[in-house]
N, C-alpha and C. Protein backbone atom coordinates (compact mmCIF):
# COMPACT_ATOMS: atom_id res chain seq x y z
N UNK A 1 -27.15 -15.98 -18.20
CA UNK A 1 -26.09 -16.67 -18.93
C UNK A 1 -25.06 -15.48 -19.07
N UNK A 2 -25.54 -13.97 -19.21
CA UNK A 2 -24.73 -12.78 -19.22
C UNK A 2 -23.98 -12.77 -17.92
N UNK A 3 -24.51 -12.77 -16.98
CA UNK A 3 -23.99 -12.47 -15.44
C UNK A 3 -23.09 -13.95 -15.38
N UNK A 4 -23.36 -15.12 -15.67
CA UNK A 4 -22.27 -16.19 -15.35
C UNK A 4 -21.00 -15.64 -15.93
N UNK A 5 -21.15 -15.29 -17.52
CA UNK A 5 -19.99 -14.96 -18.49
C UNK A 5 -19.10 -13.87 -17.70
N UNK A 6 -20.12 -12.97 -17.03
CA UNK A 6 -19.38 -11.84 -16.38
C UNK A 6 -18.76 -12.21 -15.37
N UNK A 7 -18.86 -13.01 -14.42
CA UNK A 7 -18.24 -13.85 -13.41
C UNK A 7 -17.16 -14.54 -13.79
N UNK A 8 -17.38 -15.23 -14.67
CA UNK A 8 -16.07 -16.20 -15.50
C UNK A 8 -15.10 -15.06 -15.59
N UNK A 9 -15.19 -13.68 -16.22
CA UNK A 9 -14.33 -13.01 -17.00
C UNK A 9 -13.76 -12.42 -15.62
N UNK A 10 -14.40 -12.35 -14.44
CA UNK A 10 -13.78 -11.74 -13.10
C UNK A 10 -12.96 -12.71 -12.61
N UNK A 11 -13.45 -13.90 -12.39
CA UNK A 11 -12.58 -14.97 -11.97
C UNK A 11 -11.44 -15.39 -12.73
N UNK A 12 -11.31 -15.24 -14.06
CA UNK A 12 -10.01 -15.36 -14.94
C UNK A 12 -8.97 -14.13 -14.57
N UNK A 13 -9.88 -13.00 -14.40
CA UNK A 13 -8.85 -11.48 -13.89
C UNK A 13 -8.07 -11.94 -12.83
N UNK A 14 -8.47 -12.44 -11.68
CA UNK A 14 -8.17 -12.66 -10.21
C UNK A 14 -7.35 -13.69 -10.55
N UNK A 15 -7.42 -14.94 -11.22
CA UNK A 15 -6.41 -15.68 -11.60
C UNK A 15 -5.16 -15.43 -12.06
N UNK A 16 -5.26 -14.50 -13.16
CA UNK A 16 -4.27 -13.91 -13.72
C UNK A 16 -3.38 -13.10 -12.72
N UNK A 17 -4.22 -12.29 -11.72
CA UNK A 17 -3.49 -11.63 -10.81
C UNK A 17 -2.61 -12.29 -9.93
N UNK A 18 -3.37 -13.25 -9.78
CA UNK A 18 -2.56 -14.51 -8.32
C UNK A 18 -1.60 -15.18 -9.32
N UNK A 19 -1.49 -15.43 -10.43
CA UNK A 19 -0.39 -16.09 -11.11
C UNK A 19 0.95 -15.07 -11.47
N UNK A 20 0.57 -13.88 -11.51
CA UNK A 20 1.34 -12.86 -11.52
C UNK A 20 2.23 -12.57 -10.37
N UNK A 21 1.50 -12.62 -9.37
CA UNK A 21 2.37 -12.68 -7.88
C UNK A 21 3.17 -13.71 -7.74
N UNK A 22 2.58 -14.86 -7.94
CA UNK A 22 3.61 -15.82 -7.81
C UNK A 22 4.83 -15.73 -8.88
N UNK A 23 4.76 -15.52 -10.21
CA UNK A 23 5.81 -15.41 -11.09
C UNK A 23 6.59 -14.54 -10.72
N UNK A 24 6.03 -13.34 -10.70
CA UNK A 24 7.16 -12.02 -10.15
C UNK A 24 7.86 -12.36 -8.95
N UNK A 25 7.35 -12.97 -7.87
CA UNK A 25 8.25 -13.32 -6.99
C UNK A 25 8.97 -14.01 -7.21
N UNK A 26 9.19 -15.01 -8.07
CA UNK A 26 9.98 -16.10 -8.40
C UNK A 26 10.92 -15.44 -9.22
N UNK A 27 10.85 -14.95 -10.33
CA UNK A 27 11.69 -14.68 -11.47
C UNK A 27 12.05 -13.17 -11.18
N UNK A 28 11.04 -12.01 -10.78
CA UNK A 28 11.37 -10.83 -10.91
C UNK A 28 10.57 -10.28 -11.83
N UNK A 29 10.22 -9.10 -11.73
CA UNK A 29 9.22 -8.55 -12.77
C UNK A 29 9.76 -8.56 -14.25
N UNK A 30 10.87 -7.87 -14.41
CA UNK A 30 11.46 -7.70 -15.72
C UNK A 30 12.08 -8.90 -16.53
N UNK A 31 12.08 -9.88 -15.67
CA UNK A 31 12.43 -11.37 -16.27
C UNK A 31 11.34 -12.13 -16.52
N UNK A 32 9.97 -11.71 -16.37
CA UNK A 32 8.83 -12.30 -16.18
C UNK A 32 8.25 -11.67 -17.80
N UNK A 33 7.78 -12.69 -18.38
CA UNK A 33 6.54 -12.29 -19.70
C UNK A 33 5.38 -12.56 -19.27
N UNK A 34 4.56 -12.03 -20.20
CA UNK A 34 3.32 -12.22 -20.24
C UNK A 34 2.98 -13.85 -20.32
N UNK A 35 3.51 -14.63 -21.18
CA UNK A 35 3.40 -16.01 -21.47
C UNK A 35 3.77 -16.54 -20.54
N UNK A 36 4.94 -16.39 -19.60
CA UNK A 36 5.19 -17.08 -18.18
C UNK A 36 3.93 -16.86 -17.13
N UNK A 37 3.40 -15.57 -17.33
CA UNK A 37 1.87 -15.40 -16.22
C UNK A 37 0.70 -16.50 -16.81
N UNK A 38 0.65 -16.22 -18.42
CA UNK A 38 -0.45 -17.04 -18.99
C UNK A 38 -0.29 -18.58 -18.35
N UNK A 39 0.76 -19.42 -18.83
CA UNK A 39 1.24 -20.72 -18.45
C UNK A 39 0.92 -20.73 -16.96
N UNK A 40 1.31 -19.94 -16.00
CA UNK A 40 1.30 -20.14 -14.66
C UNK A 40 -0.43 -20.16 -14.36
N UNK A 41 -1.36 -19.19 -14.96
CA UNK A 41 -2.75 -19.14 -14.68
C UNK A 41 -3.36 -20.27 -15.33
N UNK A 42 -2.63 -20.92 -16.49
CA UNK A 42 -3.39 -21.89 -17.21
C UNK A 42 -4.54 -21.55 -18.09
N UNK A 43 -4.22 -20.40 -18.80
CA UNK A 43 -4.85 -19.88 -19.67
C UNK A 43 -4.26 -19.37 -20.75
N UNK A 44 -4.67 -18.76 -21.99
CA UNK A 44 -4.26 -18.55 -23.33
C UNK A 44 -3.34 -16.77 -23.03
N UNK A 45 -2.37 -16.52 -23.70
CA UNK A 45 -1.70 -15.32 -23.49
C UNK A 45 -2.86 -14.03 -23.81
N UNK A 46 -4.00 -14.76 -25.15
CA UNK A 46 -5.12 -13.79 -25.47
C UNK A 46 -5.99 -13.53 -24.23
N UNK A 47 -5.87 -14.25 -23.43
CA UNK A 47 -6.54 -14.06 -22.27
C UNK A 47 -6.07 -12.90 -21.46
N UNK A 48 -4.79 -12.82 -21.30
CA UNK A 48 -4.37 -11.73 -20.81
C UNK A 48 -4.75 -10.59 -21.43
N UNK A 49 -4.46 -10.16 -22.55
CA UNK A 49 -4.75 -8.90 -23.39
C UNK A 49 -6.44 -8.62 -23.35
N UNK A 50 -7.11 -9.93 -22.71
CA UNK A 50 -8.44 -9.69 -22.42
C UNK A 50 -8.63 -8.51 -21.76
N UNK A 51 -7.97 -8.77 -20.62
CA UNK A 51 -7.83 -8.05 -19.15
C UNK A 51 -7.13 -6.74 -19.00
N UNK A 52 -5.76 -6.93 -19.69
CA UNK A 52 -4.73 -6.24 -19.33
C UNK A 52 -4.19 -5.85 -20.89
N UNK A 53 -3.52 -4.55 -20.74
CA UNK A 53 -3.28 -3.91 -21.85
C UNK A 53 -1.64 -4.61 -21.88
N UNK A 54 -0.97 -4.57 -21.21
CA UNK A 54 0.19 -5.41 -21.02
C UNK A 54 0.83 -5.60 -19.85
N UNK A 55 2.17 -5.67 -19.67
CA UNK A 55 2.59 -5.86 -18.43
C UNK A 55 2.59 -5.10 -17.11
N UNK A 56 2.92 -3.92 -17.59
CA UNK A 56 2.52 -2.53 -16.68
C UNK A 56 1.22 -2.52 -16.18
N UNK A 57 0.40 -2.76 -17.10
CA UNK A 57 -1.30 -2.80 -16.54
C UNK A 57 -1.41 -3.55 -15.42
N UNK A 58 -1.01 -4.87 -15.93
CA UNK A 58 -1.24 -6.08 -15.05
C UNK A 58 -0.36 -5.65 -13.72
N UNK A 59 0.73 -5.29 -13.55
CA UNK A 59 1.34 -5.26 -12.41
C UNK A 59 1.03 -3.99 -11.67
N UNK A 60 0.04 -2.93 -12.24
CA UNK A 60 -0.31 -1.94 -11.80
C UNK A 60 -1.79 -2.10 -11.06
N UNK A 61 -2.33 -3.25 -11.57
CA UNK A 61 -3.83 -3.72 -10.95
C UNK A 61 -3.00 -4.72 -9.84
N UNK A 62 -2.13 -5.60 -9.99
CA UNK A 62 -1.77 -6.17 -8.82
C UNK A 62 -1.28 -5.23 -7.49
N UNK A 63 -0.71 -4.16 -7.59
CA UNK A 63 -0.42 -3.22 -6.53
C UNK A 63 -1.43 -2.81 -6.13
N UNK A 64 -2.66 -2.26 -6.86
CA UNK A 64 -3.95 -1.28 -6.41
C UNK A 64 -4.56 -2.61 -5.47
N UNK A 65 -4.42 -3.62 -5.94
CA UNK A 65 -5.11 -4.92 -4.93
C UNK A 65 -4.89 -4.38 -3.33
N UNK A 66 -3.58 -4.49 -3.23
CA UNK A 66 -2.81 -4.39 -2.13
C UNK A 66 -2.72 -2.90 -1.61
N UNK A 67 -2.81 -1.87 -2.31
CA UNK A 67 -2.45 -0.52 -1.49
C UNK A 67 -4.03 0.19 -1.46
N UNK A 68 -4.78 -0.33 -2.26
CA UNK A 68 -6.21 0.31 -2.38
C UNK A 68 -6.69 0.53 -0.96
N UNK A 69 -7.12 -0.80 -0.70
CA UNK A 69 -7.91 -0.59 1.06
C UNK A 69 -7.21 0.26 1.90
N UNK A 70 -5.46 0.23 1.45
CA UNK A 70 -4.91 1.25 2.82
C UNK A 70 -5.13 2.62 2.68
N UNK A 71 -5.04 3.08 1.39
CA UNK A 71 -5.57 4.27 0.87
C UNK A 71 -6.98 4.82 1.24
N UNK A 72 -7.95 3.85 1.20
CA UNK A 72 -9.37 4.13 1.61
C UNK A 72 -9.30 4.23 3.19
N UNK A 73 -8.53 3.55 3.85
CA UNK A 73 -8.53 3.54 5.45
C UNK A 73 -8.37 5.24 5.56
N UNK A 74 -7.17 5.74 4.97
CA UNK A 74 -6.88 6.93 5.19
C UNK A 74 -7.82 8.16 4.74
N UNK A 75 -8.56 8.00 3.74
CA UNK A 75 -9.56 8.74 3.43
C UNK A 75 -10.77 8.75 3.93
N UNK A 76 -11.04 7.81 4.94
CA UNK A 76 -12.18 7.74 5.85
C UNK A 76 -12.18 8.46 7.28
N UNK A 77 -10.82 9.10 7.34
CA UNK A 77 -10.38 9.67 8.32
C UNK A 77 -11.43 11.14 8.66
N UNK A 78 -11.92 11.26 9.39
CA UNK A 78 -12.57 12.57 9.89
C UNK A 78 -14.02 12.33 9.32
N UNK A 79 -14.70 11.39 8.71
CA UNK A 79 -16.02 11.16 8.29
C UNK A 79 -16.96 10.77 9.04
N UNK A 80 -16.28 10.21 10.28
CA UNK A 80 -17.47 10.15 11.58
C UNK A 80 -17.26 11.24 12.62
N UNK A 81 -18.43 11.90 12.73
CA UNK A 81 -18.48 12.59 13.69
C UNK A 81 -18.12 12.46 15.31
N UNK A 82 -17.21 13.10 15.98
CA UNK A 82 -16.94 12.66 17.34
C UNK A 82 -15.48 12.10 17.44
N UNK A 83 -15.01 11.42 16.29
CA UNK A 83 -13.88 10.72 16.45
C UNK A 83 -12.72 11.54 16.45
N UNK A 84 -11.74 11.42 17.32
CA UNK A 84 -10.33 11.80 17.44
C UNK A 84 -9.67 11.52 16.27
N UNK A 85 -9.46 12.51 15.42
CA UNK A 85 -8.42 12.54 13.92
C UNK A 85 -7.38 11.75 14.36
N UNK A 86 -6.59 12.33 15.42
CA UNK A 86 -5.68 11.78 15.73
C UNK A 86 -5.51 10.10 16.00
N UNK A 87 -6.25 9.72 16.69
CA UNK A 87 -6.69 8.21 16.98
C UNK A 87 -7.01 7.54 15.74
N UNK A 88 -7.61 8.04 14.93
CA UNK A 88 -8.06 7.67 13.79
C UNK A 88 -6.57 7.62 12.66
N UNK A 89 -5.85 8.45 12.72
CA UNK A 89 -4.83 8.24 12.02
C UNK A 89 -3.55 7.46 12.48
N UNK A 90 -3.80 7.15 13.48
CA UNK A 90 -2.83 6.06 14.01
C UNK A 90 -3.56 4.65 13.56
N UNK A 91 -4.61 4.44 13.65
CA UNK A 91 -5.54 3.09 13.48
C UNK A 91 -5.30 2.82 11.90
N UNK A 92 -5.56 4.08 10.78
CA UNK A 92 -5.27 3.90 9.53
C UNK A 92 -3.83 3.29 9.18
N UNK A 93 -2.89 3.66 9.63
CA UNK A 93 -1.40 3.87 9.51
C UNK A 93 -1.33 2.10 10.08
N UNK A 94 -1.71 2.05 11.09
CA UNK A 94 -1.78 0.51 11.79
C UNK A 94 -2.36 -0.52 11.29
N UNK A 95 -3.20 -0.33 10.36
CA UNK A 95 -4.15 -1.21 9.51
C UNK A 95 -3.38 -1.45 8.45
N UNK A 96 -2.57 -0.49 7.93
CA UNK A 96 -1.77 -0.95 7.01
C UNK A 96 -0.84 -1.87 7.25
N UNK A 97 -0.18 -1.87 8.45
CA UNK A 97 0.97 -2.15 8.73
C UNK A 97 0.50 -3.81 9.48
N UNK A 98 -0.59 -4.07 9.96
CA UNK A 98 -1.15 -5.16 10.05
C UNK A 98 -1.54 -5.96 9.10
N UNK A 99 -1.80 -5.51 7.70
CA UNK A 99 -2.24 -6.23 6.88
C UNK A 99 -0.94 -6.62 5.95
N UNK A 100 -0.08 -5.78 6.20
CA UNK A 100 1.52 -6.35 5.49
C UNK A 100 1.73 -7.52 6.35
N UNK A 101 1.78 -7.53 7.72
CA UNK A 101 2.50 -8.60 8.51
C UNK A 101 1.96 -9.57 8.39
N UNK A 102 0.55 -9.52 8.35
CA UNK A 102 -0.47 -10.84 8.57
C UNK A 102 -0.90 -11.55 7.25
N UNK A 103 -1.00 -11.04 6.07
CA UNK A 103 -1.62 -11.39 4.85
C UNK A 103 -0.37 -11.60 3.77
N UNK A 104 -0.37 -12.89 3.63
CA UNK A 104 1.08 -13.43 2.88
C UNK A 104 0.88 -12.84 1.70
N UNK A 105 -0.41 -12.73 0.79
CA UNK A 105 -0.53 -12.18 -0.51
C UNK A 105 -0.02 -10.91 -0.53
N UNK A 106 -0.53 -9.79 0.73
CA UNK A 106 -0.17 -8.44 0.37
C UNK A 106 1.24 -8.53 0.57
N UNK A 107 2.02 -9.36 1.51
CA UNK A 107 3.10 -9.32 2.06
C UNK A 107 4.03 -9.49 0.65
N UNK A 108 3.55 -10.45 -0.25
CA UNK A 108 4.42 -10.70 -1.54
C UNK A 108 4.34 -9.80 -2.32
N UNK A 109 3.43 -8.78 -2.44
CA UNK A 109 3.08 -7.91 -3.27
C UNK A 109 4.01 -6.54 -3.31
N UNK A 110 4.09 -6.43 -1.76
CA UNK A 110 4.95 -5.62 -1.35
C UNK A 110 6.48 -5.98 -1.34
N UNK A 111 6.85 -7.17 -1.06
CA UNK A 111 8.29 -7.82 -1.71
C UNK A 111 8.54 -7.77 -2.88
N UNK A 112 7.76 -7.70 -4.01
CA UNK A 112 8.01 -7.64 -5.30
C UNK A 112 8.08 -6.04 -5.61
N UNK A 113 7.46 -5.10 -5.02
CA UNK A 113 7.46 -3.82 -5.36
C UNK A 113 8.48 -3.26 -4.71
N UNK A 114 9.10 -3.82 -3.85
CA UNK A 114 10.59 -3.31 -2.94
C UNK A 114 11.72 -3.87 -3.67
N UNK A 115 11.53 -5.30 -3.81
CA UNK A 115 13.19 -5.86 -4.00
C UNK A 115 13.10 -6.64 -5.59
N UNK A 116 11.73 -7.07 -6.51
CA UNK A 116 11.91 -7.68 -7.46
C UNK A 116 11.43 -6.69 -8.65
N UNK A 117 11.39 -5.16 -8.50
CA UNK A 117 10.98 -4.61 -9.96
C UNK A 117 11.86 -3.27 -10.14
N UNK A 118 12.16 -3.17 -11.39
CA UNK A 118 13.03 -2.14 -12.05
C UNK A 118 12.02 -1.12 -12.79
N UNK A 119 11.75 -0.12 -12.12
CA UNK A 119 11.03 1.17 -12.70
C UNK A 119 11.58 1.77 -13.78
N UNK A 120 11.50 0.88 -14.94
CA UNK A 120 12.41 1.26 -16.20
C UNK A 120 11.35 0.82 -17.27
N UNK A 121 11.85 1.80 -18.39
CA UNK A 121 11.21 1.18 -19.62
C UNK A 121 9.34 1.00 -19.59
N UNK A 122 8.81 0.03 -19.76
CA UNK A 122 7.48 -0.36 -19.44
C UNK A 122 6.63 -0.01 -18.12
N UNK A 123 7.43 -0.30 -17.12
CA UNK A 123 7.19 0.12 -16.15
C UNK A 123 7.22 1.77 -15.62
N UNK A 124 7.66 2.44 -16.26
CA UNK A 124 8.04 3.90 -16.07
C UNK A 124 6.33 4.46 -15.61
N UNK A 125 5.35 4.05 -15.93
CA UNK A 125 4.01 4.29 -15.81
C UNK A 125 3.56 3.99 -14.38
N UNK A 126 4.35 3.03 -14.20
CA UNK A 126 3.69 2.23 -12.85
C UNK A 126 4.59 2.96 -11.88
N UNK A 127 6.01 3.43 -11.90
CA UNK A 127 6.62 4.27 -11.04
C UNK A 127 5.86 5.59 -10.93
N UNK A 128 5.30 6.14 -11.80
CA UNK A 128 4.47 7.62 -11.93
C UNK A 128 3.37 7.28 -10.75
N UNK A 129 2.65 6.08 -11.30
CA UNK A 129 1.53 5.55 -10.43
C UNK A 129 1.92 5.61 -8.72
N UNK A 130 2.93 4.73 -8.62
CA UNK A 130 3.29 4.56 -7.31
C UNK A 130 3.62 5.91 -6.75
N UNK A 131 4.33 6.92 -7.18
CA UNK A 131 4.78 8.14 -6.74
C UNK A 131 3.41 9.11 -6.71
N UNK A 132 2.48 8.80 -7.48
CA UNK A 132 1.27 9.35 -7.12
C UNK A 132 0.48 8.85 -5.88
N UNK A 133 0.51 7.77 -5.68
CA UNK A 133 -0.24 6.95 -4.64
C UNK A 133 0.42 7.63 -3.11
N UNK A 134 1.89 7.51 -3.07
CA UNK A 134 2.51 7.99 -2.12
C UNK A 134 2.06 10.00 -1.78
N UNK A 135 2.23 10.47 -2.96
CA UNK A 135 1.63 11.80 -2.77
C UNK A 135 0.38 11.84 -2.21
N UNK A 136 -0.68 11.04 -2.61
CA UNK A 136 -2.15 11.13 -2.09
C UNK A 136 -2.08 10.74 -0.57
N UNK A 137 -1.59 9.69 -0.17
CA UNK A 137 -1.28 9.28 1.08
C UNK A 137 -0.65 10.41 2.04
N UNK A 138 0.04 10.79 1.85
CA UNK A 138 0.93 12.25 2.25
C UNK A 138 -0.02 13.44 2.25
N UNK A 139 -0.76 13.52 1.56
CA UNK A 139 -2.06 14.40 1.53
C UNK A 139 -2.92 14.18 2.75
N UNK A 140 -3.38 12.99 2.61
CA UNK A 140 -4.32 12.51 3.49
C UNK A 140 -3.77 12.63 4.87
N UNK A 141 -2.75 12.31 5.29
CA UNK A 141 -1.74 12.41 6.24
C UNK A 141 -1.92 13.89 6.58
N UNK A 142 -1.49 14.56 6.00
CA UNK A 142 -1.27 16.12 6.30
C UNK A 142 -2.95 16.83 6.62
N UNK A 143 -3.82 16.10 6.09
CA UNK A 143 -5.43 16.98 6.26
C UNK A 143 -5.34 16.30 7.67
N UNK A 144 -5.43 15.15 7.99
CA UNK A 144 -5.42 14.23 9.31
C UNK A 144 -4.77 14.84 10.48
N UNK A 145 -3.36 15.41 10.28
CA UNK A 145 -2.63 16.05 11.28
C UNK A 145 -3.17 17.91 11.63
N UNK A 146 -3.80 18.04 10.42
CA UNK A 146 -4.43 19.24 10.66
C UNK A 146 -5.52 19.39 11.47
N UNK A 147 -6.37 18.46 11.16
CA UNK A 147 -7.51 18.25 12.15
C UNK A 147 -7.24 17.88 13.49
N UNK A 148 -6.07 17.19 13.65
CA UNK A 148 -5.81 16.66 14.98
C UNK A 148 -5.16 17.68 15.77
N UNK A 149 -4.80 18.62 15.10
CA UNK A 149 -4.07 19.99 15.96
C UNK A 149 -5.01 20.70 16.19
N UNK A 150 -6.11 21.13 15.32
CA UNK A 150 -7.23 21.80 15.61
C UNK A 150 -7.93 20.95 17.03
N UNK A 151 -8.12 19.88 16.69
CA UNK A 151 -8.89 19.29 17.54
C UNK A 151 -8.38 19.10 19.05
N UNK A 152 -6.82 18.73 19.15
CA UNK A 152 -6.17 19.26 20.26
C UNK A 152 -5.83 20.38 20.99
N UNK A 153 -5.60 21.52 20.06
CA UNK A 153 -5.27 22.71 20.46
C UNK A 153 -3.91 22.81 20.39
N UNK A 154 -3.05 21.94 19.30
CA UNK A 154 -1.96 21.97 19.44
C UNK A 154 -0.94 22.65 18.41
N UNK A 155 -0.11 22.95 18.48
CA UNK A 155 0.78 23.87 17.53
C UNK A 155 1.89 23.34 17.40
N UNK A 156 1.72 22.68 15.93
CA UNK A 156 2.74 21.74 15.46
C UNK A 156 4.08 22.17 15.47
N UNK A 157 5.24 21.69 15.72
CA UNK A 157 6.61 21.94 15.95
C UNK A 157 7.23 22.14 15.02
N UNK A 158 6.54 21.73 13.49
CA UNK A 158 7.33 21.97 12.15
C UNK A 158 6.00 22.26 11.44
N UNK A 159 6.16 22.73 10.10
CA UNK A 159 5.10 22.86 9.14
C UNK A 159 4.27 21.62 8.91
N UNK A 160 3.22 22.04 8.69
CA UNK A 160 2.25 20.18 8.76
C UNK A 160 2.61 19.40 7.80
N UNK A 161 3.13 20.26 6.49
CA UNK A 161 3.38 19.57 5.09
C UNK A 161 4.66 18.64 5.56
N UNK A 162 5.67 19.42 6.22
CA UNK A 162 6.63 18.75 6.51
C UNK A 162 6.47 17.31 7.25
N UNK A 163 5.59 17.63 8.63
CA UNK A 163 5.45 16.73 9.36
C UNK A 163 4.94 15.20 8.46
N UNK A 164 3.78 15.73 7.67
CA UNK A 164 3.12 14.74 6.66
C UNK A 164 3.90 13.85 6.21
N UNK A 165 5.00 14.89 5.22
CA UNK A 165 6.27 14.05 4.73
C UNK A 165 6.93 13.10 5.28
N UNK A 166 7.48 13.47 6.51
CA UNK A 166 8.12 12.84 7.39
C UNK A 166 7.73 11.54 7.89
N UNK A 167 6.08 11.63 7.98
CA UNK A 167 5.41 10.36 8.53
C UNK A 167 5.43 9.33 7.68
N UNK A 168 5.00 10.00 6.46
CA UNK A 168 4.73 8.92 5.34
C UNK A 168 6.21 8.31 5.14
N UNK A 169 7.01 8.99 4.93
CA UNK A 169 8.55 8.30 4.75
C UNK A 169 9.05 7.46 5.82
N UNK A 170 8.69 7.65 7.19
CA UNK A 170 8.79 6.78 8.26
C UNK A 170 8.40 5.54 8.03
N UNK A 171 6.83 5.51 7.72
CA UNK A 171 6.34 4.00 7.36
C UNK A 171 6.86 3.45 6.34
N UNK A 172 7.20 4.48 5.30
CA UNK A 172 7.66 3.54 4.18
C UNK A 172 9.06 2.75 4.62
N UNK A 173 9.60 3.47 5.14
CA UNK A 173 11.14 2.77 5.45
C UNK A 173 10.98 1.71 6.22
N UNK A 174 9.86 1.86 7.39
CA UNK A 174 9.64 0.69 7.96
C UNK A 174 9.48 -0.46 7.29
N UNK A 175 8.40 -0.28 6.34
CA UNK A 175 7.89 -1.43 5.64
C UNK A 175 8.91 -2.23 4.65
N UNK A 176 9.92 -0.97 4.30
CA UNK A 176 11.11 -1.50 3.17
C UNK A 176 12.08 -2.35 4.23
N UNK A 177 12.47 -1.95 5.35
CA UNK A 177 13.33 -2.65 6.28
C UNK A 177 12.95 -3.74 6.37
N UNK A 178 11.64 -3.95 7.00
CA UNK A 178 11.02 -5.19 7.33
C UNK A 178 11.04 -6.15 6.52
N UNK A 179 10.94 -5.78 5.02
CA UNK A 179 10.52 -6.68 3.72
C UNK A 179 11.86 -7.58 3.75
N UNK A 180 13.05 -6.66 3.86
CA UNK A 180 14.30 -7.02 3.98
C UNK A 180 14.36 -8.17 4.79
N UNK A 181 14.18 -8.22 6.08
CA UNK A 181 14.36 -9.26 6.85
C UNK A 181 13.28 -9.34 7.93
N UNK A 182 12.05 -10.13 7.70
CA UNK A 182 11.04 -10.01 8.46
C UNK A 182 11.03 -10.49 9.84
N UNK A 183 12.42 -11.53 10.12
CA UNK A 183 12.32 -12.05 11.28
C UNK A 183 13.07 -10.94 12.27
N UNK A 184 13.71 -9.91 11.60
CA UNK A 184 14.31 -8.90 12.63
C UNK A 184 13.59 -8.00 13.50
N UNK A 185 12.44 -7.86 13.31
CA UNK A 185 11.34 -7.17 14.48
C UNK A 185 10.08 -7.27 13.90
N UNK A 186 9.32 -6.98 15.00
CA UNK A 186 7.61 -7.05 14.80
C UNK A 186 7.02 -6.13 14.13
N UNK A 187 6.73 -5.94 12.83
CA UNK A 187 6.54 -4.71 12.12
C UNK A 187 5.45 -3.72 12.95
N UNK A 188 4.63 -4.37 13.28
CA UNK A 188 3.06 -3.66 14.02
C UNK A 188 3.71 -3.08 15.27
N UNK A 189 4.38 -3.64 15.96
CA UNK A 189 4.57 -3.33 17.34
C UNK A 189 5.63 -2.20 16.97
N UNK A 190 6.67 -2.34 16.18
CA UNK A 190 7.78 -1.18 16.16
C UNK A 190 6.97 -0.19 15.61
N UNK A 191 6.26 -0.04 14.66
CA UNK A 191 5.23 0.79 13.94
C UNK A 191 4.66 1.96 14.85
N UNK A 192 3.75 1.13 15.73
CA UNK A 192 3.32 1.90 16.58
C UNK A 192 3.81 2.37 17.72
N UNK A 193 5.34 2.00 18.16
CA UNK A 193 6.31 2.67 19.05
C UNK A 193 6.68 4.10 18.00
N UNK A 194 6.85 3.80 16.97
CA UNK A 194 7.48 5.03 15.86
C UNK A 194 6.41 5.98 15.90
N UNK A 195 5.17 5.48 15.81
CA UNK A 195 4.26 6.68 15.42
C UNK A 195 3.92 7.39 16.52
N UNK A 196 3.93 6.70 17.96
CA UNK A 196 3.78 7.59 19.23
C UNK A 196 4.86 8.46 19.29
N UNK A 197 5.88 7.94 19.11
CA UNK A 197 7.32 9.00 19.44
C UNK A 197 7.14 9.81 18.39
N UNK A 198 6.75 9.68 17.08
CA UNK A 198 6.70 10.85 16.04
C UNK A 198 5.94 11.75 16.21
N UNK A 199 4.39 11.35 16.85
CA UNK A 199 3.41 12.13 17.24
C UNK A 199 3.85 13.11 18.59
N UNK A 200 4.61 12.25 19.36
CA UNK A 200 5.15 13.23 20.59
C UNK A 200 5.86 14.44 20.06
N UNK A 201 6.86 14.09 19.34
CA UNK A 201 7.93 14.83 18.81
C UNK A 201 7.19 16.21 18.01
N UNK A 202 5.97 15.82 17.47
CA UNK A 202 5.05 16.93 16.99
C UNK A 202 4.42 17.97 17.83
N UNK A 203 4.45 17.55 19.26
CA UNK A 203 3.79 18.12 20.05
C UNK A 203 2.20 17.84 20.67
N UNK A 204 2.05 16.19 20.08
CA UNK A 204 0.76 15.97 20.67
C UNK A 204 0.99 15.05 22.00
N UNK A 205 0.22 14.91 22.90
CA UNK A 205 0.31 14.14 24.00
C UNK A 205 0.31 12.60 23.44
N UNK A 206 0.70 11.59 24.12
CA UNK A 206 0.76 10.31 23.48
C UNK A 206 -0.66 9.96 23.26
N UNK A 207 -0.93 9.21 22.44
CA UNK A 207 -2.09 8.90 22.45
C UNK A 207 -2.21 7.21 22.84
N UNK A 208 -3.84 7.30 23.27
CA UNK A 208 -4.12 5.83 23.55
C UNK A 208 -3.79 4.68 22.62
N UNK A 209 -2.96 3.28 22.96
CA UNK A 209 -2.83 2.52 22.25
C UNK A 209 -3.82 1.94 21.69
N UNK A 210 -3.60 1.48 20.05
CA UNK A 210 -4.94 0.84 19.43
C UNK A 210 -4.87 -0.59 19.60
């Protein structure tokens, strides 16, 4: 019985997250109330507070469900002996782009985060979490570039911290631009070409395509 109750609670939490995505996408985050989400999910307002402290907590959980797999992909670089860290880095970055381009749920979450949220008032904590997530990704990219430069015997043409920040900013910019007009270009193909060009500019020989 306890196991079933736990499963039901988890199902309700997921139901609330999915309802939040739909309502945030329709109305924008600031204009969405917890009551709106509860009604869309078909549960009571109290059910939301059982799982989430407030709207910011719910929004943060929604973002984490999309971003966490991408963070984990970066964190796994260098953990398998014999792998080329440069190839792994490109693979992790393209995994993120493929996820956004091919998964409607993840795409909707990034569209909300890009176009339909104001990081003010109750969402300031979410802004801090998003900034921390970007900083974590940049650190992982920096680590990967350092490992790759050692692996390939390449002296980077700019400081590794600058190279990592630039690569992170480029990927973020590609996502944001694509979200504005998804039909304007193929996200994965353009990202792959941009990554290759960027790495070549740092001094690496063009890596094999993934």
